Amino acid sequence: MKWLYKLEYKYGRRYIRRLMLIVVIGMVVVYLADVFGASAGMSPLPSTYLMLSRDAILHGQVWRLITFVFVPPGGNAFLLLISLYFYYIMGNMLETYWGGFRLNIYYLFGIVGTWLAMFIVGYGTNSYLNLSLFLAFATIAPDTTFRLFFIIPIKAKWMALAYAALMAIQLIITFITAPLAGLYSLVSLAFSLLNYFLFFGRTLIDEIRNQMRIAQNKRNWRNRNR
């Protein structure tokens, strides 16, 4: 990734510090705005005006290109707390490992990928963008242990595999029940993870080749010792 080294050498001091802390605080503010809006009978809720929508953006609501990152995940307050905790922890660790500039570039490329998906399918969310953070962390520090629901210890690599399996099942079910929606979800996933494949594609290819060599060596050893 020589291009990244060149960018960092030239612009390495220009980045948003504590990026994920800012994102998490923004999500909390939007969540509270929705809570107060719902209690006041507001419809639609404030977060609706922050989401990615191709039609809305083409009609001048360009702020959505940025504000969608602050839309909190769905669910109750407890699940939101868990999600925001993980976002902050992973973002902080990635910033420590990579440095703030690389984390900014990684997140920016994820945003651009989400934009591309949005202009193709008509809408977009930050779900896959935040997933790309988790995948990056699980790739860099696979043996880091988290406490699921603050109780159950589980390593990052197993969490990533479980999440990927659940997402694959969800995509398959969506394809079966609503093929067009499934296609849209697949397009959104692929484009939103462009940052991950850009940063880790070579690593993944090398790992696959390494595992194939190991498997081939095991087969050769068994054949020689029959």
C-alpha atoms as a PDB file:
ATOM      1  CA  MET A   1       0.000   0.000   0.000  1.00  0.00           C
ATOM      2  CA  LYS A   2       2.577   2.518  -1.152  1.00  0.00           C
ATOM      3  CA  TRP A   3      -0.124   5.072  -1.917  1.00  0.00           C
ATOM      4  CA  LEU A   4      -1.109   5.090   1.758  1.00  0.00           C
ATOM      5  CA  TYR A   5       2.471   5.625   2.905  1.00  0.00           C
ATOM      6  CA  LYS A   6       2.780   8.533   0.475  1.00  0.00           C
ATOM      7  CA  LEU A   7      -0.461  10.084   1.700  1.00  0.00           C
ATOM      8  CA  GLU A   8       0.580   9.680   5.311  1.00  0.00           C
ATOM      9  CA  TYR A   9       4.006  11.168   4.644  1.00  0.00           C
ATOM     10  CA  LYS A  10       2.479  14.210   2.949  1.00  0.00           C
ATOM     11  CA  TYR A  11      -0.704  14.764   4.977  1.00  0.00           C
ATOM     12  CA  GLY A  12      -0.143  12.659   8.081  1.00  0.00           C
ATOM     13  CA  ARG A  13      -0.850  15.481  10.528  1.00  0.00           C
ATOM     14  CA  ARG A  14      -4.200  16.396   8.994  1.00  0.00           C
ATOM     15  CA  TYR A  15      -6.857  14.151  10.415  1.00  0.00           C
ATOM     16  CA  ILE A  16      -9.770  14.137  12.834  1.00  0.00           C
ATOM     17  CA  ARG A  17      -8.523  13.050  16.241  1.00  0.00           C
ATOM     18  CA  ARG A  18     -10.629  10.678  18.354  1.00  0.00           C
ATOM     19  CA  LEU A  19     -12.803  10.050  15.311  1.00  0.00           C
ATOM     20  CA  MET A  20     -14.900   7.238  16.768  1.00  0.00           C
ATOM     21  CA  LEU A  21     -15.481   9.140  20.000  1.00  0.00           C
ATOM     22  CA  ILE A  22     -17.007  11.927  17.897  1.00  0.00           C
ATOM     23  CA  VAL A  23     -19.146   9.406  15.984  1.00  0.00           C
ATOM     24  CA  VAL A  24     -20.335   7.751  19.204  1.00  0.00           C
ATOM     25  CA  ILE A  25     -21.219  11.090  20.816  1.00  0.00           C
ATOM     26  CA  GLY A  26     -23.103  12.038  17.653  1.00  0.00           C
ATOM     27  CA  MET A  27     -25.087   8.793  17.801  1.00  0.00           C
ATOM     28  CA  VAL A  28     -26.015   9.460  21.425  1.00  0.00           C
ATOM     29  CA  VAL A  29     -27.229  12.965  20.540  1.00  0.00           C
ATOM     30  CA  VAL A  30     -29.336  11.654  17.640  1.00  0.00           C
ATOM     31  CA  TYR A  31     -30.752   8.853  19.791  1.00  0.00           C
ATOM     32  CA  LEU A  32     -31.789  11.331  22.490  1.00  0.00           C
ATOM     33  CA  ALA A  33     -33.299  13.614  19.844  1.00  0.00           C
ATOM     34  CA  ASP A  34     -35.380  10.682  18.580  1.00  0.00           C
ATOM     35  CA  VAL A  35     -36.474   9.789  22.115  1.00  0.00           C
ATOM     36  CA  PHE A  36     -37.622  13.343  22.823  1.00  0.00           C
ATOM     37  CA  GLY A  37     -39.154  13.582  19.372  1.00  0.00           C
ATOM     38  CA  ALA A  38     -41.142  10.390  19.895  1.00  0.00           C
ATOM     39  CA  SER A  39     -42.359  11.560  23.302  1.00  0.00           C
ATOM     40  CA  ALA A  40     -43.511  14.820  21.698  1.00  0.00           C
ATOM     41  CA  GLY A  41     -45.346  12.961  18.952  1.00  0.00           C
ATOM     42  CA  MET A  42     -42.959  14.133  16.242  1.00  0.00           C
ATOM     43  CA  SER A  43     -43.247  12.342  12.900  1.00  0.00           C
ATOM     44  CA  PRO A  44     -40.960  11.665  11.172  1.00  0.00           C
ATOM     45  CA  LEU A  45     -38.245  11.501  13.812  1.00  0.00           C
ATOM     46  CA  PRO A  46     -35.137  13.715  13.557  1.00  0.00           C
ATOM     47  CA  SER A  47     -32.891  10.811  12.486  1.00  0.00           C
ATOM     48  CA  THR A  48     -35.005  10.421   9.346  1.00  0.00           C
ATOM     49  CA  TYR A  49     -33.544  13.679   8.045  1.00  0.00           C
ATOM     50  CA  LEU A  50     -29.991  12.406   8.567  1.00  0.00           C
ATOM     51  CA  MET A  51     -30.233   9.091   6.705  1.00  0.00           C
ATOM     52  CA  LEU A  52     -28.793   8.442   3.259  1.00  0.00           C
ATOM     53  CA  SER A  53     -31.402   8.851   0.550  1.00  0.00           C
ATOM     54  CA  ARG A  54     -30.532   9.322  -3.099  1.00  0.00           C
ATOM     55  CA  ASP A  55     -33.717  11.238  -3.869  1.00  0.00           C
ATOM     56  CA  ALA A  56     -33.310  13.547  -0.871  1.00  0.00           C
ATOM     57  CA  ILE A  57     -29.670  14.285  -1.723  1.00  0.00           C
ATOM     58  CA  LEU A  58     -30.504  15.001  -5.359  1.00  0.00           C
ATOM     59  CA  HIS A  59     -33.106  17.462  -4.064  1.00  0.00           C
ATOM     60  CA  GLY A  60     -30.468  19.420  -2.166  1.00  0.00           C
ATOM     61  CA  GLN A  61     -30.245  17.674   1.220  1.00  0.00           C
ATOM     62  CA  VAL A  62     -26.509  17.144   0.817  1.00  0.00           C
ATOM     63  CA  TRP A  63     -25.841  17.113   4.573  1.00  0.00           C
ATOM     64  CA  ARG A  64     -27.053  13.517   4.564  1.00  0.00           C
ATOM     65  CA  LEU A  65     -23.754  12.515   2.919  1.00  0.00           C
ATOM     66  CA  ILE A  66     -22.109  13.137   6.302  1.00  0.00           C
ATOM     67  CA  THR A  67     -24.855  12.958   8.907  1.00  0.00           C
ATOM     68  CA  PHE A  68     -25.757   9.337   8.159  1.00  0.00           C
ATOM     69  CA  VAL A  69     -22.711   8.227  10.152  1.00  0.00           C
ATOM     70  CA  PHE A  70     -24.385   9.599  13.298  1.00  0.00           C
ATOM     71  CA  VAL A  71     -27.611   7.607  12.930  1.00  0.00           C
ATOM     72  CA  PRO A  72     -27.607   5.145  15.871  1.00  0.00           C
ATOM     73  CA  PRO A  73     -28.248   1.423  15.376  1.00  0.00           C
ATOM     74  CA  GLY A  74     -31.751   0.169  16.047  1.00  0.00           C
ATOM     75  CA  GLY A  75     -32.836  -1.570  19.217  1.00  0.00           C
ATOM     76  CA  ASN A  76     -33.408  -0.636  22.818  1.00  0.00           C
ATOM     77  CA  ALA A  77     -31.151   1.503  24.984  1.00  0.00           C
ATOM     78  CA  PHE A  78     -29.221  -1.500  26.333  1.00  0.00           C
ATOM     79  CA  LEU A  79     -28.348  -2.812  22.861  1.00  0.00           C
ATOM     80  CA  LEU A  80     -27.434   0.716  21.814  1.00  0.00           C
ATOM     81  CA  LEU A  81     -25.091   0.985  24.797  1.00  0.00           C
ATOM     82  CA  ILE A  82     -23.369  -2.271  23.853  1.00  0.00           C
ATOM     83  CA  SER A  83     -23.009  -1.217  20.206  1.00  0.00           C
ATOM     84  CA  LEU A  84     -21.597   2.187  21.067  1.00  0.00           C
ATOM     85  CA  TYR A  85     -19.207   0.632  23.572  1.00  0.00           C
ATOM     86  CA  PHE A  86     -17.823  -1.685  20.891  1.00  0.00           C
ATOM     87  CA  TYR A  87     -17.609   1.111  18.314  1.00  0.00           C
ATOM     88  CA  TYR A  88     -15.582   3.223  20.703  1.00  0.00           C
ATOM     89  CA  ILE A  89     -13.301   0.404  21.873  1.00  0.00           C
ATOM     90  CA  MET A  90     -12.584  -0.807  18.338  1.00  0.00           C
ATOM     91  CA  GLY A  91     -12.066   2.699  16.984  1.00  0.00           C
ATOM     92  CA  ASN A  92      -9.740   3.601  19.846  1.00  0.00           C
ATOM     93  CA  MET A  93      -7.679   0.421  19.404  1.00  0.00           C
ATOM     94  CA  LEU A  94      -7.464   0.886  15.631  1.00  0.00           C
ATOM     95  CA  GLU A  95      -6.329   4.480  16.137  1.00  0.00           C
ATOM     96  CA  THR A  96      -3.677   3.260  18.581  1.00  0.00           C
ATOM     97  CA  TYR A  97      -2.505   0.534  16.178  1.00  0.00           C
ATOM     98  CA  TRP A  98      -2.697   2.451  12.903  1.00  0.00           C
ATOM     99  CA  GLY A  99      -2.528   6.037  13.991  1.00  0.00           C
ATOM    100  CA  GLY A 100      -5.289   8.576  13.541  1.00  0.00           C
ATOM    101  CA  PHE A 101      -4.527   9.351   9.900  1.00  0.00           C
ATOM    102  CA  ARG A 102      -4.921   5.765   8.686  1.00  0.00           C
ATOM    103  CA  LEU A 103      -8.109   5.276  10.665  1.00  0.00           C
ATOM    104  CA  ASN A 104      -9.502   8.443   9.066  1.00  0.00           C
ATOM    105  CA  ILE A 105      -8.600   7.200   5.581  1.00  0.00           C
ATOM    106  CA  TYR A 106     -10.090   3.772   6.269  1.00  0.00           C
ATOM    107  CA  TYR A 107     -13.329   5.278   7.547  1.00  0.00           C
ATOM    108  CA  LEU A 108     -13.452   7.788   4.682  1.00  0.00           C
ATOM    109  CA  PHE A 109     -13.142   5.027   2.088  1.00  0.00           C
ATOM    110  CA  GLY A 110     -15.939   3.166   3.859  1.00  0.00           C
ATOM    111  CA  ILE A 111     -18.087   6.300   3.642  1.00  0.00           C
ATOM    112  CA  VAL A 112     -17.343   6.663  -0.076  1.00  0.00           C
ATOM    113  CA  GLY A 113     -18.224   3.000  -0.637  1.00  0.00           C
ATOM    114  CA  THR A 114     -21.519   3.551   1.172  1.00  0.00           C
ATOM    115  CA  TRP A 115     -22.213   6.575  -1.049  1.00  0.00           C
ATOM    116  CA  LEU A 116     -21.625   4.480  -4.171  1.00  0.00           C
ATOM    117  CA  ALA A 117     -23.995   1.790  -2.925  1.00  0.00           C
ATOM    118  CA  MET A 118     -26.585   4.431  -2.055  1.00  0.00           C
ATOM    119  CA  PHE A 119     -26.544   5.954  -5.531  1.00  0.00           C
ATOM    120  CA  ILE A 120     -27.033   2.466  -7.005  1.00  0.00           C
ATOM    121  CA  VAL A 121     -29.816   1.147  -4.756  1.00  0.00           C
ATOM    122  CA  GLY A 122     -31.341   4.459  -3.667  1.00  0.00           C
ATOM    123  CA  TYR A 123     -30.605   4.388   0.052  1.00  0.00           C
ATOM    124  CA  GLY A 124     -27.838   3.550   2.481  1.00  0.00           C
ATOM    125  CA  THR A 125     -27.057   2.987   6.148  1.00  0.00           C
ATOM    126  CA  ASN A 126     -23.953   3.009   8.315  1.00  0.00           C
ATOM    127  CA  SER A 127     -24.408  -0.624   9.399  1.00  0.00           C
ATOM    128  CA  TYR A 128     -21.902  -2.096   6.956  1.00  0.00           C
ATOM    129  CA  LEU A 129     -19.560   0.862   7.463  1.00  0.00           C
ATOM    130  CA  ASN A 130     -19.396   0.068  11.171  1.00  0.00           C
ATOM    131  CA  LEU A 131     -19.050  -3.625  10.334  1.00  0.00           C
ATOM    132  CA  SER A 132     -15.901  -2.763   8.384  1.00  0.00           C
ATOM    133  CA  LEU A 133     -14.389  -1.368  11.596  1.00  0.00           C
ATOM    134  CA  PHE A 134     -15.110  -4.610  13.402  1.00  0.00           C
ATOM    135  CA  LEU A 135     -13.630  -6.706  10.582  1.00  0.00           C
ATOM    136  CA  ALA A 136     -10.497  -4.555  10.544  1.00  0.00           C
ATOM    137  CA  PHE A 137     -10.083  -4.968  14.277  1.00  0.00           C
ATOM    138  CA  ALA A 138     -10.706  -8.734  14.131  1.00  0.00           C
ATOM    139  CA  THR A 139      -8.084  -9.031  11.379  1.00  0.00           C
ATOM    140  CA  ILE A 140      -5.453  -7.009  13.226  1.00  0.00           C
ATOM    141  CA  ALA A 141      -6.095  -8.373  16.732  1.00  0.00           C
ATOM    142  CA  PRO A 142      -8.006 -11.663  16.308  1.00  0.00           C
ATOM    143  CA  ASP A 143      -7.233 -12.982  19.784  1.00  0.00           C
ATOM    144  CA  THR A 144      -8.443  -9.921  21.673  1.00  0.00           C
ATOM    145  CA  THR A 145     -11.143 -10.987  24.123  1.00  0.00           C
ATOM    146  CA  PHE A 146     -14.383  -9.070  24.525  1.00  0.00           C
ATOM    147  CA  ARG A 147     -17.088  -9.591  27.118  1.00  0.00           C
ATOM    148  CA  LEU A 148     -20.306 -10.188  25.216  1.00  0.00           C
ATOM    149  CA  PHE A 149     -23.140  -8.453  27.092  1.00  0.00           C
ATOM    150  CA  PHE A 150     -20.348  -7.519  29.554  1.00  0.00           C
ATOM    151  CA  ILE A 151     -20.357 -11.155  30.781  1.00  0.00           C
ATOM    152  CA  ILE A 152     -19.400 -13.810  28.204  1.00  0.00           C
ATOM    153  CA  PRO A 153     -15.705 -13.806  27.133  1.00  0.00           C
ATOM    154  CA  ILE A 154     -15.267 -14.281  23.388  1.00  0.00           C
ATOM    155  CA  LYS A 155     -12.372 -13.613  21.028  1.00  0.00           C
ATOM    156  CA  ALA A 156     -12.698 -11.048  18.265  1.00  0.00           C
ATOM    157  CA  LYS A 157     -12.103 -13.602  15.494  1.00  0.00           C
ATOM    158  CA  TRP A 158     -14.977 -15.810  16.676  1.00  0.00           C
ATOM    159  CA  MET A 159     -17.264 -12.814  16.986  1.00  0.00           C
ATOM    160  CA  ALA A 160     -16.380 -11.812  13.424  1.00  0.00           C
ATOM    161  CA  LEU A 161     -17.044 -15.321  12.107  1.00  0.00           C
ATOM    162  CA  ALA A 162     -20.362 -15.523  13.958  1.00  0.00           C
ATOM    163  CA  TYR A 163     -21.400 -12.106  12.682  1.00  0.00           C
ATOM    164  CA  ALA A 164     -20.432 -13.028   9.114  1.00  0.00           C
ATOM    165  CA  ALA A 165     -22.397 -16.285   9.356  1.00  0.00           C
ATOM    166  CA  LEU A 166     -25.494 -14.490  10.649  1.00  0.00           C
ATOM    167  CA  MET A 167     -25.210 -11.906   7.898  1.00  0.00           C
ATOM    168  CA  ALA A 168     -24.869 -14.622   5.251  1.00  0.00           C
ATOM    169  CA  ILE A 169     -27.973 -16.373   6.595  1.00  0.00           C
ATOM    170  CA  GLN A 170     -29.870 -13.085   6.611  1.00  0.00           C
ATOM    171  CA  LEU A 171     -28.848 -12.390   3.006  1.00  0.00           C
ATOM    172  CA  ILE A 172     -29.921 -15.867   1.896  1.00  0.00           C
ATOM    173  CA  ILE A 173     -33.311 -15.506   3.579  1.00  0.00           C
ATOM    174  CA  THR A 174     -33.763 -12.070   2.012  1.00  0.00           C
ATOM    175  CA  PHE A 175     -32.883 -13.427  -1.433  1.00  0.00           C
ATOM    176  CA  ILE A 176     -35.471 -16.183  -1.011  1.00  0.00           C
ATOM    177  CA  THR A 177     -38.277 -13.958   0.267  1.00  0.00           C
ATOM    178  CA  ALA A 178     -37.486 -10.760  -1.663  1.00  0.00           C
ATOM    179  CA  PRO A 179     -34.826 -11.254  -4.374  1.00  0.00           C
ATOM    180  CA  LEU A 180     -34.556  -7.576  -5.311  1.00  0.00           C
ATOM    181  CA  ALA A 181     -34.105  -6.513  -1.678  1.00  0.00           C
ATOM    182  CA  GLY A 182     -31.489  -9.238  -1.298  1.00  0.00           C
ATOM    183  CA  LEU A 183     -29.622  -7.927  -4.327  1.00  0.00           C
ATOM    184  CA  TYR A 184     -29.722  -4.398  -2.919  1.00  0.00           C
ATOM    185  CA  SER A 185     -28.378  -5.654   0.416  1.00  0.00           C
ATOM    186  CA  LEU A 186     -25.559  -7.517  -1.329  1.00  0.00           C
ATOM    187  CA  VAL A 187     -24.596  -4.441  -3.353  1.00  0.00           C
ATOM    188  CA  SER A 188     -24.621  -2.293  -0.206  1.00  0.00           C
ATOM    189  CA  LEU A 189     -22.473  -4.815   1.650  1.00  0.00           C
ATOM    190  CA  ALA A 190     -19.939  -5.164  -1.160  1.00  0.00           C
ATOM    191  CA  PHE A 191     -19.445  -1.436  -1.696  1.00  0.00           C
ATOM    192  CA  SER A 192     -19.446  -0.563   1.998  1.00  0.00           C
ATOM    193  CA  LEU A 193     -16.633  -3.054   2.606  1.00  0.00           C
ATOM    194  CA  LEU A 194     -14.421  -1.709  -0.169  1.00  0.00           C
ATOM    195  CA  ASN A 195     -12.243  -0.109   2.501  1.00  0.00           C
ATOM    196  CA  TYR A 196     -11.700  -3.472   4.181  1.00  0.00           C
ATOM    197  CA  PHE A 197     -10.703  -5.232   0.965  1.00  0.00           C
ATOM    198  CA  LEU A 198      -8.513  -2.304  -0.039  1.00  0.00           C
ATOM    199  CA  PHE A 199      -6.604  -2.456   3.252  1.00  0.00           C
ATOM    200  CA  PHE A 200      -6.623  -6.215   3.854  1.00  0.00           C
ATOM    201  CA  GLY A 201      -7.194  -7.811   0.449  1.00  0.00           C
ATOM    202  CA  ARG A 202      -3.542  -8.762   0.012  1.00  0.00           C
ATOM    203  CA  THR A 203      -3.407 -10.150   3.548  1.00  0.00           C
ATOM    204  CA  LEU A 204      -6.496 -12.288   2.932  1.00  0.00           C
ATOM    205  CA  ILE A 205      -5.145 -13.610  -0.368  1.00  0.00           C
ATOM    206  CA  ASP A 206      -1.794 -14.464   1.225  1.00  0.00           C
ATOM    207  CA  GLU A 207      -3.551 -16.219   4.123  1.00  0.00           C
ATOM    208  CA  ILE A 208      -5.716 -18.276   1.752  1.00  0.00           C
ATOM    209  CA  ARG A 209      -2.649 -19.286  -0.250  1.00  0.00           C
ATOM    210  CA  ASN A 210      -0.812 -20.180   2.948  1.00  0.00           C
ATOM    211  CA  GLN A 211      -3.681 -22.364   4.162  1.00  0.00           C
ATOM    212  CA  MET A 212      -3.848 -24.059   0.755  1.00  0.00           C
ATOM    213  CA  ARG A 213      -0.116 -24.811   0.923  1.00  0.00           C
ATOM    214  CA  ILE A 214      -0.481 -26.217   4.429  1.00  0.00           C
ATOM    215  CA  ALA A 215      -3.371 -28.425   3.325  1.00  0.00           C
ATOM    216  CA  GLN A 216      -1.406 -29.613   0.290  1.00  0.00           C
ATOM    217  CA  ASN A 217       1.647 -30.399   2.425  1.00  0.00           C
ATOM    218  CA  LYS A 218      -0.532 -32.431   4.802  1.00  0.00           C
ATOM    219  CA  ARG A 219      -2.001 -34.398   1.904  1.00  0.00           C
ATOM    220  CA  ASN A 220       1.476 -35.046   0.483  1.00  0.00           C
ATOM    221  CA  TRP A 221       2.721 -36.195   3.888  1.00  0.00           C
ATOM    222  CA  ARG A 222      -0.206 -38.590   4.315  1.00  0.00           C
ATOM    223  CA  ASN A 223       0.316 -39.989   0.808  1.00  0.00           C
ATOM    224  CA  ARG A 224       4.005 -40.618   1.472  1.00  0.00           C
ATOM    225  CA  ASN A 225       3.287 -42.404   4.744  1.00  0.00           C
ATOM    226  CA  ARG A 226       0.597 -44.776   3.535  1.00  0.00           C
END
